[in-house]
Every structure is written in C-alpha cells, then in structure tokens.
Amino acid sequence: MGDLARGRTVRSLAWLLTLYPGVKQYFVAPEQLQIGSDILDLLRKAGMEFEVSADFERSCRKPTPST
C-alpha cells in the first residue's frame, strides 16, 4: 500500500517473495502510484500469484470459505 510506482523497497521485496512458494502478493494503491508493469511482468514470468487493486477496504476483507 502506498507509492508502489517509485518505491525501491516494494520492488525489491516483490521479487524476493518469488523465492517462497505459496505466497500471494497484493499491490494496493491509486492508479498513479500503482506498481509498474515491469515488476508485474517479472512476477508473471516467475509464476507468482498477485492482485492489483486501488480498493483498500476490499483488499483487507477476509475471503469467505468456499463450500
């Protein structure tokens, strides 16, 4: 959450998390501050699951269990 477009930390951490199986990343920021497509492309190539959103409240909700 925050300035994902220019933050060095979030870009490095996003890549580092590809080394851990079973991790899903959530990038929550307004469109103008959203994570760059270059990082998303790297995550796709690494097979990393992620979600991009501008809706903070929606991203914080717990998923309902499927039946």
PDB file of N, CA and C in Angstrom:
ATOM      1  N   MET A   1       0.845  -1.157   0.000  1.00  0.00           N
ATOM      2  CA  MET A   1       0.000   0.000   0.000  1.00  0.00           C
ATOM      3  C   MET A   1       0.897   1.229   0.000  1.00  0.00           C
ATOM      4  N   GLY A   2       0.543   2.221  -0.775  1.00  0.00           N
ATOM      5  CA  GLY A   2       1.332   3.447  -0.824  1.00  0.00           C
ATOM      6  C   GLY A   2       1.862   3.699  -2.221  1.00  0.00           C
ATOM      7  N   ASP A   3       3.009   4.395  -2.288  1.00  0.00           N
ATOM      8  CA  ASP A   3       3.619   4.742  -3.571  1.00  0.00           C
ATOM      9  C   ASP A   3       4.414   3.538  -4.083  1.00  0.00           C
ATOM     10  N   LEU A   4       3.732   2.683  -4.808  1.00  0.00           N
ATOM     11  CA  LEU A   4       4.366   1.476  -5.318  1.00  0.00           C
ATOM     12  C   LEU A   4       5.128   1.741  -6.612  1.00  0.00           C
ATOM     13  N   ALA A   5       4.818   2.848  -7.270  1.00  0.00           N
ATOM     14  CA  ALA A   5       5.432   3.156  -8.561  1.00  0.00           C
ATOM     15  C   ALA A   5       6.906   3.532  -8.427  1.00  0.00           C
ATOM     16  N   ARG A   6       7.240   4.260  -7.377  1.00  0.00           N
ATOM     17  CA  ARG A   6       8.608   4.768  -7.243  1.00  0.00           C
ATOM     18  C   ARG A   6       9.385   4.172  -6.071  1.00  0.00           C
ATOM     19  N   GLY A   7       8.723   3.357  -5.254  1.00  0.00           N
ATOM     20  CA  GLY A   7       9.392   2.808  -4.077  1.00  0.00           C
ATOM     21  C   GLY A   7      10.362   1.691  -4.426  1.00  0.00           C
ATOM     22  N   ARG A   8      11.618   1.835  -4.028  1.00  0.00           N
ATOM     23  CA  ARG A   8      12.616   0.788  -4.303  1.00  0.00           C
ATOM     24  C   ARG A   8      12.373  -0.442  -3.447  1.00  0.00           C
ATOM     25  N   THR A   9      11.953  -0.218  -2.201  1.00  0.00           N
ATOM     26  CA  THR A   9      11.771  -1.340  -1.276  1.00  0.00           C
ATOM     27  C   THR A   9      10.723  -2.311  -1.782  1.00  0.00           C
ATOM     28  N   VAL A  10       9.567  -1.799  -2.191  1.00  0.00           N
ATOM     29  CA  VAL A  10       8.486  -2.678  -2.630  1.00  0.00           C
ATOM     30  C   VAL A  10       8.879  -3.456  -3.879  1.00  0.00           C
ATOM     31  N   ARG A  11       9.646  -2.857  -4.744  1.00  0.00           N
ATOM     32  CA  ARG A  11      10.073  -3.539  -5.963  1.00  0.00           C
ATOM     33  C   ARG A  11      11.024  -4.696  -5.626  1.00  0.00           C
ATOM     34  N   SER A  12      11.951  -4.452  -4.720  1.00  0.00           N
ATOM     35  CA  SER A  12      12.890  -5.499  -4.309  1.00  0.00           C
ATOM     36  C   SER A  12      12.174  -6.609  -3.549  1.00  0.00           C
ATOM     37  N   LEU A  13      11.288  -6.235  -2.657  1.00  0.00           N
ATOM     38  CA  LEU A  13      10.563  -7.220  -1.862  1.00  0.00           C
ATOM     39  C   LEU A  13       9.655  -8.077  -2.747  1.00  0.00           C
ATOM     40  N   ALA A  14       9.025  -7.458  -3.729  1.00  0.00           N
ATOM     41  CA  ALA A  14       8.160  -8.212  -4.640  1.00  0.00           C
ATOM     42  C   ALA A  14       8.964  -9.325  -5.319  1.00  0.00           C
ATOM     43  N   TRP A  15      10.156  -9.004  -5.765  1.00  0.00           N
ATOM     44  CA  TRP A  15      10.988 -10.010  -6.417  1.00  0.00           C
ATOM     45  C   TRP A  15      11.478 -11.051  -5.410  1.00  0.00           C
ATOM     46  N   LEU A  16      11.895 -10.623  -4.227  1.00  0.00           N
ATOM     47  CA  LEU A  16      12.370 -11.546  -3.203  1.00  0.00           C
ATOM     48  C   LEU A  16      11.307 -12.581  -2.843  1.00  0.00           C
ATOM     49  N   LEU A  17      10.056 -12.161  -2.773  1.00  0.00           N
ATOM     50  CA  LEU A  17       8.981 -13.072  -2.386  1.00  0.00           C
ATOM     51  C   LEU A  17       8.730 -14.175  -3.416  1.00  0.00           C
ATOM     52  N   THR A  18       9.272 -14.030  -4.622  1.00  0.00           N
ATOM     53  CA  THR A  18       9.122 -15.102  -5.615  1.00  0.00           C
ATOM     54  C   THR A  18       9.913 -16.347  -5.201  1.00  0.00           C
ATOM     55  N   LEU A  19      10.827 -16.202  -4.251  1.00  0.00           N
ATOM     56  CA  LEU A  19      11.631 -17.325  -3.788  1.00  0.00           C
ATOM     57  C   LEU A  19      10.877 -18.215  -2.802  1.00  0.00           C
ATOM     58  N   TYR A  20       9.711 -17.779  -2.361  1.00  0.00           N
ATOM     59  CA  TYR A  20       8.933 -18.510  -1.365  1.00  0.00           C
ATOM     60  C   TYR A  20       7.649 -19.045  -1.983  1.00  0.00           C
ATOM     61  N   PRO A  21       7.455 -20.352  -1.954  1.00  0.00           N
ATOM     62  CA  PRO A  21       6.245 -20.936  -2.548  1.00  0.00           C
ATOM     63  C   PRO A  21       5.000 -20.621  -1.711  1.00  0.00           C
ATOM     64  N   GLY A  22       3.862 -20.539  -2.397  1.00  0.00           N
ATOM     65  CA  GLY A  22       2.586 -20.355  -1.719  1.00  0.00           C
ATOM     66  C   GLY A  22       2.283 -18.939  -1.288  1.00  0.00           C
ATOM     67  N   VAL A  23       3.034 -17.969  -1.790  1.00  0.00           N
ATOM     68  CA  VAL A  23       2.823 -16.570  -1.413  1.00  0.00           C
ATOM     69  C   VAL A  23       1.992 -15.879  -2.492  1.00  0.00           C
ATOM     70  N   LYS A  24       1.012 -15.087  -2.067  1.00  0.00           N
ATOM     71  CA  LYS A  24       0.262 -14.233  -2.983  1.00  0.00           C
ATOM     72  C   LYS A  24       0.523 -12.793  -2.578  1.00  0.00           C
ATOM     73  N   GLN A  25       0.860 -11.969  -3.549  1.00  0.00           N
ATOM     74  CA  GLN A  25       1.154 -10.567  -3.270  1.00  0.00           C
ATOM     75  C   GLN A  25      -0.034  -9.690  -3.641  1.00  0.00           C
ATOM     76  N   TYR A  26      -0.259  -8.660  -2.822  1.00  0.00           N
ATOM     77  CA  TYR A  26      -1.335  -7.700  -3.042  1.00  0.00           C
ATOM     78  C   TYR A  26      -0.719  -6.314  -3.172  1.00  0.00           C
ATOM     79  N   PHE A  27      -0.982  -5.664  -4.284  1.00  0.00           N
ATOM     80  CA  PHE A  27      -0.492  -4.304  -4.521  1.00  0.00           C
ATOM     81  C   PHE A  27      -1.685  -3.362  -4.492  1.00  0.00           C
ATOM     82  N   VAL A  28      -1.772  -2.548  -3.438  1.00  0.00           N
ATOM     83  CA  VAL A  28      -2.921  -1.672  -3.234  1.00  0.00           C
ATOM     84  C   VAL A  28      -2.444  -0.229  -3.258  1.00  0.00           C
ATOM     85  N   ALA A  29      -2.890   0.516  -4.256  1.00  0.00           N
ATOM     86  CA  ALA A  29      -2.508   1.920  -4.404  1.00  0.00           C
ATOM     87  C   ALA A  29      -3.402   2.561  -5.461  1.00  0.00           C
ATOM     88  N   PRO A  30      -3.545   3.896  -5.413  1.00  0.00           N
ATOM     89  CA  PRO A  30      -4.243   4.571  -6.508  1.00  0.00           C
ATOM     90  C   PRO A  30      -3.502   4.318  -7.823  1.00  0.00           C
ATOM     91  N   GLU A  31      -4.216   4.402  -8.921  1.00  0.00           N
ATOM     92  CA  GLU A  31      -3.656   4.084 -10.244  1.00  0.00           C
ATOM     93  C   GLU A  31      -2.324   4.788 -10.510  1.00  0.00           C
ATOM     94  N   GLN A  32      -2.222   6.071 -10.187  1.00  0.00           N
ATOM     95  CA  GLN A  32      -0.996   6.824 -10.484  1.00  0.00           C
ATOM     96  C   GLN A  32       0.189   6.409  -9.612  1.00  0.00           C
ATOM     97  N   LEU A  33      -0.056   5.659  -8.543  1.00  0.00           N
ATOM     98  CA  LEU A  33       1.020   5.194  -7.667  1.00  0.00           C
ATOM     99  C   LEU A  33       1.182   3.671  -7.690  1.00  0.00           C
ATOM    100  N   GLN A  34       0.521   3.016  -8.620  1.00  0.00           N
ATOM    101  CA  GLN A  34       0.486   1.550  -8.668  1.00  0.00           C
ATOM    102  C   GLN A  34       1.832   0.973  -9.116  1.00  0.00           C
ATOM    103  N   ILE A  35       2.062  -0.270  -8.752  1.00  0.00           N
ATOM    104  CA  ILE A  35       3.294  -0.978  -9.108  1.00  0.00           C
ATOM    105  C   ILE A  35       3.464  -0.994 -10.636  1.00  0.00           C
ATOM    106  N   GLY A  36       4.692  -0.932 -11.080  1.00  0.00           N
ATOM    107  CA  GLY A  36       4.962  -0.848 -12.511  1.00  0.00           C
ATOM    108  C   GLY A  36       4.760  -2.160 -13.256  1.00  0.00           C
ATOM    109  N   SER A  37       4.445  -2.037 -14.515  1.00  0.00           N
ATOM    110  CA  SER A  37       4.227  -3.224 -15.346  1.00  0.00           C
ATOM    111  C   SER A  37       5.497  -4.057 -15.491  1.00  0.00           C
ATOM    112  N   ASP A  38       6.674  -3.420 -15.361  1.00  0.00           N
ATOM    113  CA  ASP A  38       7.927  -4.181 -15.447  1.00  0.00           C
ATOM    114  C   ASP A  38       8.015  -5.200 -14.317  1.00  0.00           C
ATOM    115  N   ILE A  39       7.622  -4.807 -13.111  1.00  0.00           N
ATOM    116  CA  ILE A  39       7.649  -5.726 -11.976  1.00  0.00           C
ATOM    117  C   ILE A  39       6.581  -6.801 -12.144  1.00  0.00           C
ATOM    118  N   LEU A  40       5.388  -6.405 -12.581  1.00  0.00           N
ATOM    119  CA  LEU A  40       4.315  -7.384 -12.786  1.00  0.00           C
ATOM    120  C   LEU A  40       4.712  -8.414 -13.837  1.00  0.00           C
ATOM    121  N   ASP A  41       5.404  -7.995 -14.874  1.00  0.00           N
ATOM    122  CA  ASP A  41       5.883  -8.931 -15.898  1.00  0.00           C
ATOM    123  C   ASP A  41       6.878  -9.933 -15.307  1.00  0.00           C
ATOM    124  N   LEU A  42       7.778  -9.443 -14.454  1.00  0.00           N
ATOM    125  CA  LEU A  42       8.731 -10.353 -13.795  1.00  0.00           C
ATOM    126  C   LEU A  42       8.009 -11.352 -12.900  1.00  0.00           C
ATOM    127  N   LEU A  43       6.995 -10.877 -12.188  1.00  0.00           N
ATOM    128  CA  LEU A  43       6.235 -11.766 -11.308  1.00  0.00           C
ATOM    129  C   LEU A  43       5.487 -12.822 -12.116  1.00  0.00           C
ATOM    130  N   ARG A  44       4.910 -12.422 -13.245  1.00  0.00           N
ATOM    131  CA  ARG A  44       4.222 -13.388 -14.116  1.00  0.00           C
ATOM    132  C   ARG A  44       5.189 -14.459 -14.606  1.00  0.00           C
ATOM    133  N   LYS A  45       6.358 -14.024 -15.048  1.00  0.00           N
ATOM    134  CA  LYS A  45       7.357 -14.973 -15.555  1.00  0.00           C
ATOM    135  C   LYS A  45       7.817 -15.939 -14.467  1.00  0.00           C
ATOM    136  N   ALA A  46       7.817 -15.467 -13.209  1.00  0.00           N
ATOM    137  CA  ALA A  46       8.232 -16.306 -12.084  1.00  0.00           C
ATOM    138  C   ALA A  46       7.090 -17.182 -11.576  1.00  0.00           C
ATOM    139  N   GLY A  47       5.881 -16.998 -12.128  1.00  0.00           N
ATOM    140  CA  GLY A  47       4.731 -17.788 -11.694  1.00  0.00           C
ATOM    141  C   GLY A  47       4.139 -17.330 -10.375  1.00  0.00           C
ATOM    142  N   MET A  48       4.416 -16.090  -9.988  1.00  0.00           N
ATOM    143  CA  MET A  48       3.935 -15.547  -8.723  1.00  0.00           C
ATOM    144  C   MET A  48       2.481 -15.114  -8.846  1.00  0.00           C
ATOM    145  N   GLU A  49       1.689 -15.483  -7.861  1.00  0.00           N
ATOM    146  CA  GLU A  49       0.293 -15.052  -7.811  1.00  0.00           C
ATOM    147  C   GLU A  49       0.242 -13.657  -7.183  1.00  0.00           C
ATOM    148  N   PHE A  50      -0.533 -12.742  -7.800  1.00  0.00           N
ATOM    149  CA  PHE A  50      -0.646 -11.395  -7.254  1.00  0.00           C
ATOM    150  C   PHE A  50      -1.984 -10.789  -7.638  1.00  0.00           C
ATOM    151  N   GLU A  51      -2.324  -9.723  -6.927  1.00  0.00           N
ATOM    152  CA  GLU A  51      -3.551  -8.979  -7.200  1.00  0.00           C
ATOM    153  C   GLU A  51      -3.223  -7.500  -7.129  1.00  0.00           C
ATOM    154  N   VAL A  52      -3.721  -6.741  -8.097  1.00  0.00           N
ATOM    155  CA  VAL A  52      -3.530  -5.298  -8.149  1.00  0.00           C
ATOM    156  C   VAL A  52      -4.883  -4.647  -7.920  1.00  0.00           C
ATOM    157  N   SER A  53      -4.930  -3.672  -6.998  1.00  0.00           N
ATOM    158  CA  SER A  53      -6.202  -3.043  -6.661  1.00  0.00           C
ATOM    159  C   SER A  53      -5.973  -1.613  -6.182  1.00  0.00           C
ATOM    160  N   ALA A  54      -6.996  -0.796  -6.314  1.00  0.00           N
ATOM    161  CA  ALA A  54      -6.993   0.545  -5.733  1.00  0.00           C
ATOM    162  C   ALA A  54      -7.949   0.609  -4.546  1.00  0.00           C
ATOM    163  N   ASP A  55      -8.616  -0.494  -4.253  1.00  0.00           N
ATOM    164  CA  ASP A  55      -9.635  -0.544  -3.205  1.00  0.00           C
ATOM    165  C   ASP A  55      -9.057  -1.167  -1.931  1.00  0.00           C
ATOM    166  N   PHE A  56      -8.652  -0.310  -1.008  1.00  0.00           N
ATOM    167  CA  PHE A  56      -8.019  -0.775   0.226  1.00  0.00           C
ATOM    168  C   PHE A  56      -8.958  -1.649   1.048  1.00  0.00           C
ATOM    169  N   GLU A  57     -10.181  -1.215   1.228  1.00  0.00           N
ATOM    170  CA  GLU A  57     -11.135  -1.972   2.050  1.00  0.00           C
ATOM    171  C   GLU A  57     -11.401  -3.357   1.465  1.00  0.00           C
ATOM    172  N   ARG A  58     -11.573  -3.439   0.178  1.00  0.00           N
ATOM    173  CA  ARG A  58     -11.817  -4.735  -0.472  1.00  0.00           C
ATOM    174  C   ARG A  58     -10.614  -5.662  -0.297  1.00  0.00           C
ATOM    175  N   SER A  59      -9.430  -5.119  -0.385  1.00  0.00           N
ATOM    176  CA  SER A  59      -8.217  -5.922  -0.267  1.00  0.00           C
ATOM    177  C   SER A  59      -7.994  -6.445   1.148  1.00  0.00           C
ATOM    178  N   CYS A  60      -8.564  -5.783   2.130  1.00  0.00           N
ATOM    179  CA  CYS A  60      -8.381  -6.187   3.531  1.00  0.00           C
ATOM    180  C   CYS A  60      -9.429  -7.185   4.001  1.00  0.00           C
ATOM    181  N   ARG A  61     -10.494  -7.375   3.264  1.00  0.00           N
ATOM    182  CA  ARG A  61     -11.533  -8.329   3.662  1.00  0.00           C
ATOM    183  C   ARG A  61     -11.020  -9.754   3.598  1.00  0.00           C
ATOM    184  N   LYS A  62     -11.455 -10.552   4.557  1.00  0.00           N
ATOM    185  CA  LYS A  62     -11.118 -11.970   4.537  1.00  0.00           C
ATOM    186  C   LYS A  62     -11.995 -12.664   3.505  1.00  0.00           C
ATOM    187  N   PRO A  63     -11.416 -13.549   2.724  1.00  0.00           N
ATOM    188  CA  PRO A  63     -12.239 -14.296   1.761  1.00  0.00           C
ATOM    189  C   PRO A  63     -13.190 -15.236   2.486  1.00  0.00           C
ATOM    190  N   THR A  64     -14.347 -15.426   1.917  1.00  0.00           N
ATOM    191  CA  THR A  64     -15.293 -16.365   2.508  1.00  0.00           C
ATOM    192  C   THR A  64     -14.897 -17.769   2.084  1.00  0.00           C
ATOM    193  N   PRO A  65     -14.984 -18.720   3.006  1.00  0.00           N
ATOM    194  CA  PRO A  65     -14.609 -20.100   2.655  1.00  0.00           C
ATOM    195  C   PRO A  65     -15.527 -20.656   1.564  1.00  0.00           C
ATOM    196  N   SER A  66     -14.939 -21.362   0.630  1.00  0.00           N
ATOM    197  CA  SER A  66     -15.755 -21.973  -0.423  1.00  0.00           C
ATOM    198  C   SER A  66     -16.295 -23.300   0.080  1.00  0.00           C
ATOM    199  N   THR A  67     -17.479 -23.621  -0.374  1.00  0.00           N
ATOM    200  CA  THR A  67     -18.119 -24.873   0.063  1.00  0.00           C
ATOM    201  C   THR A  67     -18.213 -25.844  -1.066  1.00  0.00           C
TER     202      THR A  67
END
